[in-house]
Amino acid sequence: CPKETHPEYAFIGRSNVGKSSLINALVNRKNLAKTSGKPGKTQLINHFKINESWFLVDLPGYGYASTSKTNREMFKDIINKYLLNRKNLICLFVLLDIRHTPQSIDLEFMERMGQEEIPFVMVFTKSDKISQTQINKNIKLYKTEMLKQWEYLSEIFITSSENKNGISEILKFIEEYNEGFNPTLIQ
């Protein structure tokens, strides 16, 4: 990992949630993050410096990955160490496929982030694949599930890498947090 002198925004989600496509849409490049039809493509923590002012951090996915159990445990360990120890991690973007109702693996992951006091937001991906009615229904289901454990919910973004919905909102969110970043506070 680079020195902790710039704010970092990490992106994580289950395998095949569309993380690489979203990252590419955020930076307006086709192949910065490698996309694949095969789950578990990202196998290391990748830092991308954006506009010389912040790092976009691409984390390996959690859940299914087409790799050995030993490697999956190694990914889990790497992710945990990063999330628990990185002082300049401003926000974790937890990606969720909007086409699916709440999955226990996602809910448990977000519950753990709350227990560890890791700031996160929910980013629903692939919104171009279903109707607005279904999007609203699934978000309501997520909110209902989350509010069983939480007093209030984090920010929610609805995105599509295909038609760029939600991309500018995420970038604006990052920009606003960058304005308040003071590297001397994390030393």
N, C-alpha and C. Protein backbone atom coordinates (compact mmCIF):
# COMPACT_ATOMS: atom_id res chain seq x y z
N CYS A 1 0.84 -1.19 0.00
CA CYS A 1 0.00 0.00 0.00
C CYS A 1 0.88 1.25 0.00
N PRO A 2 0.43 2.29 -0.67
CA PRO A 2 1.19 3.55 -0.64
C PRO A 2 1.13 4.20 0.74
N LYS A 3 1.98 5.21 0.95
CA LYS A 3 1.95 5.96 2.21
C LYS A 3 0.57 6.56 2.41
N GLU A 4 0.22 6.76 3.67
CA GLU A 4 -1.12 7.24 4.01
C GLU A 4 -1.21 8.77 3.98
N THR A 5 -0.90 9.34 2.83
CA THR A 5 -0.89 10.80 2.70
C THR A 5 -2.08 11.35 1.92
N HIS A 6 -2.83 10.47 1.26
CA HIS A 6 -3.99 10.88 0.47
C HIS A 6 -5.21 10.09 0.93
N PRO A 7 -6.39 10.68 0.81
CA PRO A 7 -7.59 9.94 1.18
C PRO A 7 -7.79 8.73 0.26
N GLU A 8 -8.34 7.67 0.83
CA GLU A 8 -8.62 6.46 0.05
C GLU A 8 -10.10 6.11 0.14
N TYR A 9 -10.62 5.66 -0.98
CA TYR A 9 -12.00 5.21 -1.10
C TYR A 9 -11.94 3.81 -1.68
N ALA A 10 -12.34 2.82 -0.88
CA ALA A 10 -12.22 1.43 -1.30
C ALA A 10 -13.55 0.90 -1.81
N PHE A 11 -13.46 0.00 -2.78
CA PHE A 11 -14.64 -0.60 -3.41
C PHE A 11 -14.58 -2.10 -3.23
N ILE A 12 -15.68 -2.65 -2.72
CA ILE A 12 -15.74 -4.09 -2.46
C ILE A 12 -17.15 -4.59 -2.73
N GLY A 13 -17.27 -5.86 -3.01
CA GLY A 13 -18.57 -6.48 -3.21
C GLY A 13 -18.37 -7.96 -3.50
N ARG A 14 -19.48 -8.67 -3.55
CA ARG A 14 -19.38 -10.08 -3.91
C ARG A 14 -18.83 -10.21 -5.31
N SER A 15 -18.27 -11.36 -5.59
CA SER A 15 -17.75 -11.62 -6.93
C SER A 15 -18.87 -11.44 -7.95
N ASN A 16 -18.52 -10.84 -9.08
CA ASN A 16 -19.43 -10.59 -10.21
C ASN A 16 -20.51 -9.55 -9.94
N VAL A 17 -20.26 -8.64 -9.01
CA VAL A 17 -21.24 -7.60 -8.70
C VAL A 17 -21.12 -6.42 -9.67
N GLY A 18 -20.06 -6.40 -10.47
CA GLY A 18 -19.85 -5.30 -11.41
C GLY A 18 -18.87 -4.26 -10.90
N LYS A 19 -18.00 -4.66 -9.98
CA LYS A 19 -17.06 -3.72 -9.37
C LYS A 19 -16.08 -3.15 -10.37
N SER A 20 -15.47 -3.99 -11.17
CA SER A 20 -14.48 -3.50 -12.14
C SER A 20 -15.14 -2.57 -13.16
N SER A 21 -16.33 -2.91 -13.60
CA SER A 21 -17.05 -2.04 -14.55
C SER A 21 -17.37 -0.69 -13.92
N LEU A 22 -17.78 -0.69 -12.66
CA LEU A 22 -18.08 0.57 -11.97
C LEU A 22 -16.81 1.41 -11.82
N ILE A 23 -15.71 0.79 -11.43
CA ILE A 23 -14.45 1.51 -11.29
C ILE A 23 -14.05 2.13 -12.62
N ASN A 24 -14.14 1.37 -13.69
CA ASN A 24 -13.81 1.90 -15.01
C ASN A 24 -14.71 3.07 -15.39
N ALA A 25 -15.99 2.99 -15.03
CA ALA A 25 -16.92 4.10 -15.32
C ALA A 25 -16.56 5.34 -14.49
N LEU A 26 -16.17 5.13 -13.24
CA LEU A 26 -15.81 6.26 -12.37
C LEU A 26 -14.60 7.03 -12.90
N VAL A 27 -13.63 6.30 -13.45
CA VAL A 27 -12.41 6.96 -13.94
C VAL A 27 -12.47 7.22 -15.44
N ASN A 28 -13.60 6.85 -16.05
CA ASN A 28 -13.82 7.07 -17.48
C ASN A 28 -12.74 6.41 -18.35
N ARG A 29 -12.41 5.17 -17.98
CA ARG A 29 -11.45 4.38 -18.76
C ARG A 29 -12.04 2.99 -18.95
N LYS A 30 -11.66 2.36 -20.03
CA LYS A 30 -12.23 1.04 -20.34
C LYS A 30 -11.59 -0.10 -19.56
N ASN A 31 -10.29 -0.07 -19.36
CA ASN A 31 -9.62 -1.23 -18.79
C ASN A 31 -8.69 -0.93 -17.63
N LEU A 32 -8.99 0.08 -16.83
CA LEU A 32 -8.16 0.32 -15.66
C LEU A 32 -8.28 -0.88 -14.72
N ALA A 33 -9.51 -1.21 -14.37
CA ALA A 33 -9.77 -2.42 -13.59
C ALA A 33 -10.18 -3.50 -14.59
N LYS A 34 -9.56 -4.65 -14.48
CA LYS A 34 -9.83 -5.74 -15.42
C LYS A 34 -11.19 -6.36 -15.14
N THR A 35 -12.01 -6.42 -16.20
CA THR A 35 -13.32 -7.06 -16.07
C THR A 35 -13.21 -8.49 -16.58
N SER A 36 -14.12 -9.32 -16.07
CA SER A 36 -14.11 -10.72 -16.47
C SER A 36 -15.48 -11.31 -16.22
N GLY A 37 -15.86 -12.26 -17.05
CA GLY A 37 -17.10 -13.00 -16.82
C GLY A 37 -16.90 -14.03 -15.73
N LYS A 38 -15.65 -14.26 -15.37
CA LYS A 38 -15.30 -15.26 -14.36
C LYS A 38 -15.19 -14.58 -13.00
N PRO A 39 -15.96 -15.03 -12.00
CA PRO A 39 -15.90 -14.40 -10.68
C PRO A 39 -14.51 -14.47 -10.06
N GLY A 40 -14.19 -13.47 -9.25
CA GLY A 40 -12.94 -13.49 -8.50
C GLY A 40 -11.73 -13.02 -9.27
N LYS A 41 -11.91 -12.16 -10.27
CA LYS A 41 -10.79 -11.68 -11.09
C LYS A 41 -9.80 -10.86 -10.26
N THR A 42 -10.31 -9.96 -9.41
CA THR A 42 -9.42 -9.14 -8.59
C THR A 42 -8.87 -9.99 -7.46
N GLN A 43 -7.54 -10.11 -7.41
CA GLN A 43 -6.94 -10.97 -6.39
C GLN A 43 -5.94 -10.24 -5.50
N LEU A 44 -5.74 -8.97 -5.73
CA LEU A 44 -4.85 -8.15 -4.91
C LEU A 44 -5.55 -6.84 -4.60
N ILE A 45 -5.01 -6.10 -3.65
CA ILE A 45 -5.50 -4.74 -3.41
C ILE A 45 -4.80 -3.84 -4.41
N ASN A 46 -5.59 -3.17 -5.23
CA ASN A 46 -5.04 -2.28 -6.26
C ASN A 46 -5.37 -0.84 -5.92
N HIS A 47 -4.33 0.00 -5.86
CA HIS A 47 -4.50 1.44 -5.61
C HIS A 47 -4.34 2.19 -6.92
N PHE A 48 -5.31 3.05 -7.24
CA PHE A 48 -5.24 3.89 -8.43
C PHE A 48 -5.29 5.35 -7.97
N LYS A 49 -4.24 6.10 -8.24
CA LYS A 49 -4.21 7.51 -7.85
C LYS A 49 -5.02 8.32 -8.86
N ILE A 50 -5.97 9.09 -8.34
CA ILE A 50 -6.89 9.84 -9.18
C ILE A 50 -6.61 11.34 -9.00
N ASN A 51 -6.35 12.01 -10.12
CA ASN A 51 -6.12 13.46 -10.13
C ASN A 51 -5.08 13.91 -9.11
N GLU A 52 -4.13 13.06 -8.81
CA GLU A 52 -3.07 13.37 -7.85
C GLU A 52 -3.61 13.77 -6.47
N SER A 53 -4.89 13.46 -6.20
CA SER A 53 -5.44 13.93 -4.93
C SER A 53 -6.05 12.84 -4.05
N TRP A 54 -6.37 11.67 -4.62
CA TRP A 54 -6.96 10.60 -3.82
C TRP A 54 -6.71 9.25 -4.48
N PHE A 55 -6.89 8.19 -3.69
CA PHE A 55 -6.73 6.84 -4.21
C PHE A 55 -8.08 6.13 -4.27
N LEU A 56 -8.34 5.52 -5.40
CA LEU A 56 -9.44 4.58 -5.56
C LEU A 56 -8.81 3.22 -5.29
N VAL A 57 -9.38 2.46 -4.36
CA VAL A 57 -8.81 1.18 -3.97
C VAL A 57 -9.75 0.07 -4.38
N ASP A 58 -9.25 -0.82 -5.22
CA ASP A 58 -10.01 -1.96 -5.73
C ASP A 58 -9.65 -3.17 -4.88
N LEU A 59 -10.61 -3.61 -4.06
CA LEU A 59 -10.38 -4.75 -3.17
C LEU A 59 -10.90 -6.04 -3.81
N PRO A 60 -10.29 -7.18 -3.48
CA PRO A 60 -10.84 -8.45 -3.96
C PRO A 60 -12.27 -8.63 -3.45
N GLY A 61 -13.09 -9.31 -4.23
CA GLY A 61 -14.47 -9.54 -3.82
C GLY A 61 -14.57 -10.53 -2.68
N TYR A 62 -15.67 -10.47 -1.96
CA TYR A 62 -15.91 -11.46 -0.92
C TYR A 62 -16.95 -12.44 -1.45
N GLY A 63 -17.03 -13.59 -0.83
CA GLY A 63 -17.95 -14.62 -1.31
C GLY A 63 -17.27 -15.51 -2.32
N TYR A 64 -18.01 -15.96 -3.29
CA TYR A 64 -17.50 -16.89 -4.29
C TYR A 64 -16.34 -16.30 -5.07
N ALA A 65 -15.32 -17.10 -5.26
CA ALA A 65 -14.22 -16.74 -6.17
C ALA A 65 -13.70 -18.05 -6.74
N SER A 66 -13.37 -18.03 -8.03
CA SER A 66 -12.91 -19.26 -8.67
C SER A 66 -11.43 -19.46 -8.37
N THR A 67 -11.17 -19.73 -7.11
CA THR A 67 -9.81 -19.97 -6.65
C THR A 67 -9.87 -20.93 -5.47
N SER A 68 -8.74 -21.38 -5.02
CA SER A 68 -8.71 -22.37 -3.95
C SER A 68 -9.18 -21.77 -2.62
N LYS A 69 -9.57 -22.66 -1.71
CA LYS A 69 -9.99 -22.21 -0.38
C LYS A 69 -8.85 -21.47 0.32
N THR A 70 -7.63 -21.94 0.14
CA THR A 70 -6.46 -21.28 0.73
C THR A 70 -6.35 -19.84 0.24
N ASN A 71 -6.51 -19.65 -1.08
CA ASN A 71 -6.45 -18.29 -1.64
C ASN A 71 -7.60 -17.43 -1.14
N ARG A 72 -8.80 -18.01 -1.01
CA ARG A 72 -9.95 -17.25 -0.50
C ARG A 72 -9.67 -16.76 0.92
N GLU A 73 -9.08 -17.62 1.74
CA GLU A 73 -8.73 -17.23 3.11
C GLU A 73 -7.68 -16.14 3.11
N MET A 74 -6.73 -16.23 2.17
CA MET A 74 -5.69 -15.22 2.06
C MET A 74 -6.31 -13.87 1.67
N PHE A 75 -7.27 -13.88 0.71
CA PHE A 75 -7.96 -12.65 0.31
C PHE A 75 -8.66 -12.03 1.52
N LYS A 76 -9.36 -12.89 2.27
CA LYS A 76 -10.10 -12.43 3.43
C LYS A 76 -9.16 -11.77 4.44
N ASP A 77 -8.01 -12.38 4.67
CA ASP A 77 -7.02 -11.83 5.59
C ASP A 77 -6.48 -10.49 5.10
N ILE A 78 -6.17 -10.41 3.81
CA ILE A 78 -5.65 -9.17 3.22
C ILE A 78 -6.69 -8.06 3.35
N ILE A 79 -7.94 -8.37 3.03
CA ILE A 79 -9.02 -7.38 3.10
C ILE A 79 -9.19 -6.90 4.55
N ASN A 80 -9.24 -7.85 5.49
CA ASN A 80 -9.42 -7.48 6.90
C ASN A 80 -8.30 -6.57 7.39
N LYS A 81 -7.06 -6.93 7.07
CA LYS A 81 -5.93 -6.10 7.51
C LYS A 81 -6.03 -4.70 6.92
N TYR A 82 -6.38 -4.61 5.66
CA TYR A 82 -6.51 -3.30 5.02
C TYR A 82 -7.61 -2.48 5.70
N LEU A 83 -8.80 -3.05 5.80
CA LEU A 83 -9.94 -2.31 6.32
C LEU A 83 -9.76 -1.89 7.78
N LEU A 84 -9.13 -2.74 8.57
CA LEU A 84 -9.00 -2.46 9.99
C LEU A 84 -7.83 -1.54 10.33
N ASN A 85 -6.86 -1.43 9.44
CA ASN A 85 -5.64 -0.70 9.78
C ASN A 85 -5.37 0.55 8.96
N ARG A 86 -6.09 0.78 7.91
CA ARG A 86 -5.79 1.89 7.02
C ARG A 86 -6.38 3.19 7.58
N LYS A 87 -5.54 4.06 8.07
CA LYS A 87 -6.00 5.29 8.74
C LYS A 87 -6.62 6.29 7.77
N ASN A 88 -6.21 6.26 6.52
CA ASN A 88 -6.71 7.24 5.56
C ASN A 88 -7.85 6.69 4.69
N LEU A 89 -8.43 5.56 5.11
CA LEU A 89 -9.62 5.04 4.43
C LEU A 89 -10.80 5.92 4.85
N ILE A 90 -11.29 6.69 3.92
CA ILE A 90 -12.38 7.63 4.20
C ILE A 90 -13.72 6.92 4.15
N CYS A 91 -13.89 6.06 3.15
CA CYS A 91 -15.18 5.40 2.98
C CYS A 91 -15.00 4.11 2.19
N LEU A 92 -15.76 3.11 2.58
CA LEU A 92 -15.83 1.85 1.86
C LEU A 92 -17.13 1.84 1.07
N PHE A 93 -17.03 1.61 -0.21
CA PHE A 93 -18.21 1.51 -1.07
C PHE A 93 -18.54 0.03 -1.21
N VAL A 94 -19.65 -0.39 -0.60
CA VAL A 94 -20.07 -1.79 -0.65
C VAL A 94 -21.03 -1.93 -1.82
N LEU A 95 -20.60 -2.70 -2.82
CA LEU A 95 -21.39 -2.87 -4.04
C LEU A 95 -22.36 -4.03 -3.90
N LEU A 96 -23.60 -3.79 -4.32
CA LEU A 96 -24.68 -4.76 -4.23
C LEU A 96 -25.40 -4.81 -5.57
N ASP A 97 -25.64 -5.99 -6.08
CA ASP A 97 -26.35 -6.15 -7.35
C ASP A 97 -27.83 -5.91 -7.11
N ILE A 98 -28.36 -4.83 -7.67
CA ILE A 98 -29.75 -4.42 -7.45
C ILE A 98 -30.76 -5.45 -7.95
N ARG A 99 -30.33 -6.36 -8.81
CA ARG A 99 -31.25 -7.36 -9.35
C ARG A 99 -31.64 -8.40 -8.31
N HIS A 100 -30.89 -8.45 -7.21
CA HIS A 100 -31.13 -9.47 -6.19
C HIS A 100 -31.67 -8.85 -4.91
N THR A 101 -32.51 -9.60 -4.23
CA THR A 101 -32.99 -9.19 -2.92
C THR A 101 -31.82 -9.32 -1.93
N PRO A 102 -31.96 -8.79 -0.72
CA PRO A 102 -30.85 -8.83 0.23
C PRO A 102 -30.32 -10.25 0.45
N GLN A 103 -29.00 -10.37 0.38
CA GLN A 103 -28.33 -11.65 0.58
C GLN A 103 -27.66 -11.62 1.95
N SER A 104 -27.71 -12.73 2.67
CA SER A 104 -27.15 -12.75 4.03
C SER A 104 -25.67 -12.42 4.05
N ILE A 105 -24.92 -12.84 3.03
CA ILE A 105 -23.48 -12.56 3.01
C ILE A 105 -23.22 -11.05 2.97
N ASP A 106 -24.04 -10.30 2.22
CA ASP A 106 -23.88 -8.85 2.14
C ASP A 106 -24.30 -8.19 3.45
N LEU A 107 -25.43 -8.61 4.00
CA LEU A 107 -25.92 -8.04 5.25
C LEU A 107 -24.92 -8.29 6.39
N GLU A 108 -24.37 -9.50 6.44
CA GLU A 108 -23.39 -9.84 7.47
C GLU A 108 -22.11 -9.02 7.30
N PHE A 109 -21.69 -8.82 6.05
CA PHE A 109 -20.49 -8.03 5.80
C PHE A 109 -20.70 -6.60 6.28
N MET A 110 -21.83 -6.00 5.94
CA MET A 110 -22.09 -4.62 6.35
C MET A 110 -22.26 -4.51 7.87
N GLU A 111 -22.86 -5.52 8.48
CA GLU A 111 -22.98 -5.54 9.94
C GLU A 111 -21.59 -5.53 10.58
N ARG A 112 -20.69 -6.31 10.04
CA ARG A 112 -19.32 -6.35 10.56
C ARG A 112 -18.63 -5.00 10.38
N MET A 113 -18.84 -4.36 9.24
CA MET A 113 -18.23 -3.05 9.02
C MET A 113 -18.73 -2.05 10.07
N GLY A 114 -20.01 -2.14 10.40
CA GLY A 114 -20.55 -1.28 11.45
C GLY A 114 -19.93 -1.57 12.80
N GLN A 115 -19.79 -2.85 13.13
CA GLN A 115 -19.18 -3.23 14.40
C GLN A 115 -17.75 -2.73 14.51
N GLU A 116 -17.04 -2.73 13.39
CA GLU A 116 -15.64 -2.29 13.36
C GLU A 116 -15.53 -0.77 13.16
N GLU A 117 -16.68 -0.10 13.04
CA GLU A 117 -16.74 1.35 12.83
C GLU A 117 -16.01 1.80 11.57
N ILE A 118 -16.17 1.01 10.52
CA ILE A 118 -15.61 1.35 9.22
C ILE A 118 -16.72 2.05 8.43
N PRO A 119 -16.52 3.32 8.07
CA PRO A 119 -17.56 4.04 7.35
C PRO A 119 -17.80 3.44 5.96
N PHE A 120 -19.06 3.21 5.65
CA PHE A 120 -19.37 2.64 4.33
C PHE A 120 -20.67 3.21 3.80
N VAL A 121 -20.82 3.09 2.49
CA VAL A 121 -22.06 3.43 1.81
C VAL A 121 -22.45 2.23 0.95
N MET A 122 -23.73 2.16 0.62
CA MET A 122 -24.21 1.09 -0.25
C MET A 122 -24.31 1.61 -1.68
N VAL A 123 -23.76 0.84 -2.61
CA VAL A 123 -23.81 1.19 -4.02
C VAL A 123 -24.50 0.04 -4.75
N PHE A 124 -25.69 0.31 -5.25
CA PHE A 124 -26.41 -0.70 -6.01
C PHE A 124 -25.98 -0.61 -7.47
N THR A 125 -25.58 -1.73 -8.02
CA THR A 125 -25.07 -1.79 -9.39
C THR A 125 -26.10 -2.42 -10.32
N LYS A 126 -25.85 -2.28 -11.60
CA LYS A 126 -26.63 -2.94 -12.67
C LYS A 126 -28.09 -2.49 -12.70
N SER A 127 -28.32 -1.20 -12.39
CA SER A 127 -29.70 -0.69 -12.36
C SER A 127 -30.35 -0.66 -13.73
N ASP A 128 -29.54 -0.74 -14.79
CA ASP A 128 -30.09 -0.75 -16.14
C ASP A 128 -30.70 -2.10 -16.51
N LYS A 129 -30.50 -3.10 -15.68
CA LYS A 129 -30.94 -4.46 -16.00
C LYS A 129 -32.35 -4.78 -15.53
N ILE A 130 -32.94 -3.91 -14.66
CA ILE A 130 -34.30 -4.18 -14.18
C ILE A 130 -35.12 -2.89 -14.19
N SER A 131 -36.42 -3.02 -13.97
CA SER A 131 -37.32 -1.87 -14.00
C SER A 131 -37.15 -1.00 -12.75
N GLN A 132 -37.60 0.24 -12.86
CA GLN A 132 -37.55 1.15 -11.71
C GLN A 132 -38.40 0.61 -10.57
N THR A 133 -39.51 -0.03 -10.89
CA THR A 133 -40.38 -0.62 -9.86
C THR A 133 -39.62 -1.67 -9.07
N GLN A 134 -38.89 -2.54 -9.78
CA GLN A 134 -38.13 -3.59 -9.11
C GLN A 134 -36.97 -2.99 -8.30
N ILE A 135 -36.33 -1.95 -8.83
CA ILE A 135 -35.26 -1.26 -8.10
C ILE A 135 -35.81 -0.75 -6.76
N ASN A 136 -36.94 -0.04 -6.82
CA ASN A 136 -37.55 0.51 -5.60
C ASN A 136 -37.90 -0.59 -4.61
N LYS A 137 -38.44 -1.69 -5.12
CA LYS A 137 -38.82 -2.82 -4.27
C LYS A 137 -37.60 -3.41 -3.56
N ASN A 138 -36.52 -3.64 -4.31
CA ASN A 138 -35.33 -4.25 -3.72
C ASN A 138 -34.64 -3.31 -2.74
N ILE A 139 -34.61 -2.02 -3.04
CA ILE A 139 -34.01 -1.07 -2.10
C ILE A 139 -34.83 -1.02 -0.81
N LYS A 140 -36.14 -1.06 -0.94
CA LYS A 140 -37.00 -1.08 0.25
C LYS A 140 -36.70 -2.33 1.09
N LEU A 141 -36.51 -3.47 0.43
CA LEU A 141 -36.17 -4.70 1.16
C LEU A 141 -34.83 -4.56 1.89
N TYR A 142 -33.84 -3.96 1.22
CA TYR A 142 -32.54 -3.73 1.87
C TYR A 142 -32.70 -2.81 3.07
N LYS A 143 -33.43 -1.73 2.89
CA LYS A 143 -33.62 -0.78 3.99
C LYS A 143 -34.29 -1.46 5.18
N THR A 144 -35.32 -2.25 4.90
CA THR A 144 -36.03 -2.97 5.96
C THR A 144 -35.08 -3.89 6.72
N GLU A 145 -34.28 -4.64 5.98
CA GLU A 145 -33.31 -5.56 6.62
C GLU A 145 -32.26 -4.80 7.42
N MET A 146 -31.73 -3.74 6.83
CA MET A 146 -30.67 -2.98 7.51
C MET A 146 -31.19 -2.30 8.77
N LEU A 147 -32.41 -1.78 8.74
CA LEU A 147 -32.95 -1.07 9.89
C LEU A 147 -33.29 -1.99 11.05
N LYS A 148 -33.22 -3.30 10.84
CA LYS A 148 -33.37 -4.24 11.96
C LYS A 148 -32.16 -4.15 12.89
N GLN A 149 -31.01 -3.74 12.35
CA GLN A 149 -29.77 -3.67 13.12
C GLN A 149 -29.26 -2.25 13.32
N TRP A 150 -29.71 -1.31 12.51
CA TRP A 150 -29.14 0.03 12.48
C TRP A 150 -30.17 1.07 12.87
N GLU A 151 -29.69 2.17 13.48
CA GLU A 151 -30.57 3.29 13.79
C GLU A 151 -30.88 4.09 12.54
N TYR A 152 -29.88 4.25 11.69
CA TYR A 152 -30.06 4.98 10.44
C TYR A 152 -29.19 4.33 9.38
N LEU A 153 -29.47 4.65 8.14
CA LEU A 153 -28.76 4.03 7.03
C LEU A 153 -27.72 4.97 6.45
N SER A 154 -26.71 4.37 5.89
CA SER A 154 -25.69 5.14 5.19
C SER A 154 -26.25 5.66 3.87
N GLU A 155 -25.47 6.46 3.22
CA GLU A 155 -25.82 6.96 1.89
C GLU A 155 -26.03 5.77 0.95
N ILE A 156 -26.95 5.94 0.01
CA ILE A 156 -27.24 4.89 -0.98
C ILE A 156 -27.06 5.49 -2.37
N PHE A 157 -26.34 4.76 -3.22
CA PHE A 157 -26.17 5.17 -4.62
C PHE A 157 -26.75 4.08 -5.51
N ILE A 158 -27.45 4.49 -6.55
CA ILE A 158 -27.99 3.55 -7.53
C ILE A 158 -27.24 3.82 -8.83
N THR A 159 -26.54 2.79 -9.33
CA THR A 159 -25.64 3.00 -10.46
C THR A 159 -25.87 2.02 -11.61
N SER A 160 -25.36 2.45 -12.75
CA SER A 160 -25.26 1.59 -13.92
C SER A 160 -23.98 1.97 -14.65
N SER A 161 -23.11 1.02 -14.81
CA SER A 161 -21.87 1.28 -15.56
C SER A 161 -22.17 1.44 -17.05
N GLU A 162 -23.26 0.84 -17.50
CA GLU A 162 -23.64 0.90 -18.91
C GLU A 162 -24.08 2.31 -19.32
N ASN A 163 -25.02 2.88 -18.56
CA ASN A 163 -25.54 4.20 -18.94
C ASN A 163 -25.03 5.32 -18.03
N LYS A 164 -24.10 5.00 -17.15
CA LYS A 164 -23.41 5.98 -16.28
C LYS A 164 -24.30 6.59 -15.19
N ASN A 165 -25.46 6.02 -14.95
CA ASN A 165 -26.30 6.51 -13.85
C ASN A 165 -25.56 6.38 -12.53
N GLY A 166 -25.64 7.42 -11.72
CA GLY A 166 -25.06 7.40 -10.38
C GLY A 166 -23.57 7.69 -10.30
N ILE A 167 -22.89 7.71 -11.43
CA ILE A 167 -21.43 7.90 -11.44
C ILE A 167 -21.07 9.30 -10.93
N SER A 168 -21.72 10.33 -11.45
CA SER A 168 -21.40 11.70 -11.02
C SER A 168 -21.73 11.91 -9.55
N GLU A 169 -22.76 11.24 -9.05
CA GLU A 169 -23.12 11.37 -7.64
C GLU A 169 -22.03 10.79 -6.74
N ILE A 170 -21.46 9.66 -7.12
CA ILE A 170 -20.36 9.07 -6.34
C ILE A 170 -19.15 9.99 -6.37
N LEU A 171 -18.82 10.50 -7.54
CA LEU A 171 -17.66 11.39 -7.66
C LEU A 171 -17.86 12.67 -6.84
N LYS A 172 -19.07 13.19 -6.81
CA LYS A 172 -19.37 14.38 -6.01
C LYS A 172 -19.21 14.07 -4.52
N PHE A 173 -19.68 12.92 -4.10
CA PHE A 173 -19.55 12.47 -2.72
C PHE A 173 -18.08 12.42 -2.32
N ILE A 174 -17.24 11.82 -3.17
CA ILE A 174 -15.81 11.72 -2.91
C ILE A 174 -15.18 13.12 -2.86
N GLU A 175 -15.55 13.96 -3.80
CA GLU A 175 -15.00 15.32 -3.86
C GLU A 175 -15.31 16.09 -2.57
N GLU A 176 -16.53 15.95 -2.07
CA GLU A 176 -16.91 16.65 -0.84
C GLU A 176 -16.09 16.17 0.35
N TYR A 177 -15.84 14.88 0.44
CA TYR A 177 -15.02 14.35 1.54
C TYR A 177 -13.56 14.75 1.38
N ASN A 178 -13.08 14.81 0.15
CA ASN A 178 -11.69 15.22 -0.08
C ASN A 178 -11.44 16.64 0.41
N GLU A 179 -12.44 17.50 0.27
CA GLU A 179 -12.28 18.90 0.70
C GLU A 179 -11.99 18.99 2.19
N GLY A 180 -12.50 18.06 2.97
CA GLY A 180 -12.29 18.08 4.42
C GLY A 180 -11.13 17.22 4.89
N PHE A 181 -10.40 16.60 3.97
CA PHE A 181 -9.32 15.70 4.36
C PHE A 181 -8.09 16.47 4.82
N ASN A 182 -7.58 16.11 5.98
CA ASN A 182 -6.38 16.73 6.53
C ASN A 182 -5.39 15.62 6.86
N PRO A 183 -4.33 15.45 6.06
CA PRO A 183 -3.39 14.34 6.27
C PRO A 183 -2.68 14.39 7.62
N THR A 184 -2.58 15.56 8.24
CA THR A 184 -1.89 15.64 9.54
C THR A 184 -2.71 14.99 10.65
N LEU A 185 -4.01 14.82 10.44
CA LEU A 185 -4.85 14.20 11.46
C LEU A 185 -4.69 12.69 11.53
N ILE A 186 -4.07 12.08 10.52
CA ILE A 186 -3.93 10.61 10.53
C ILE A 186 -2.53 10.16 10.91
N GLN A 187 -1.64 11.08 11.16
CA GLN A 187 -0.26 10.71 11.50
C GLN A 187 -0.18 10.06 12.86
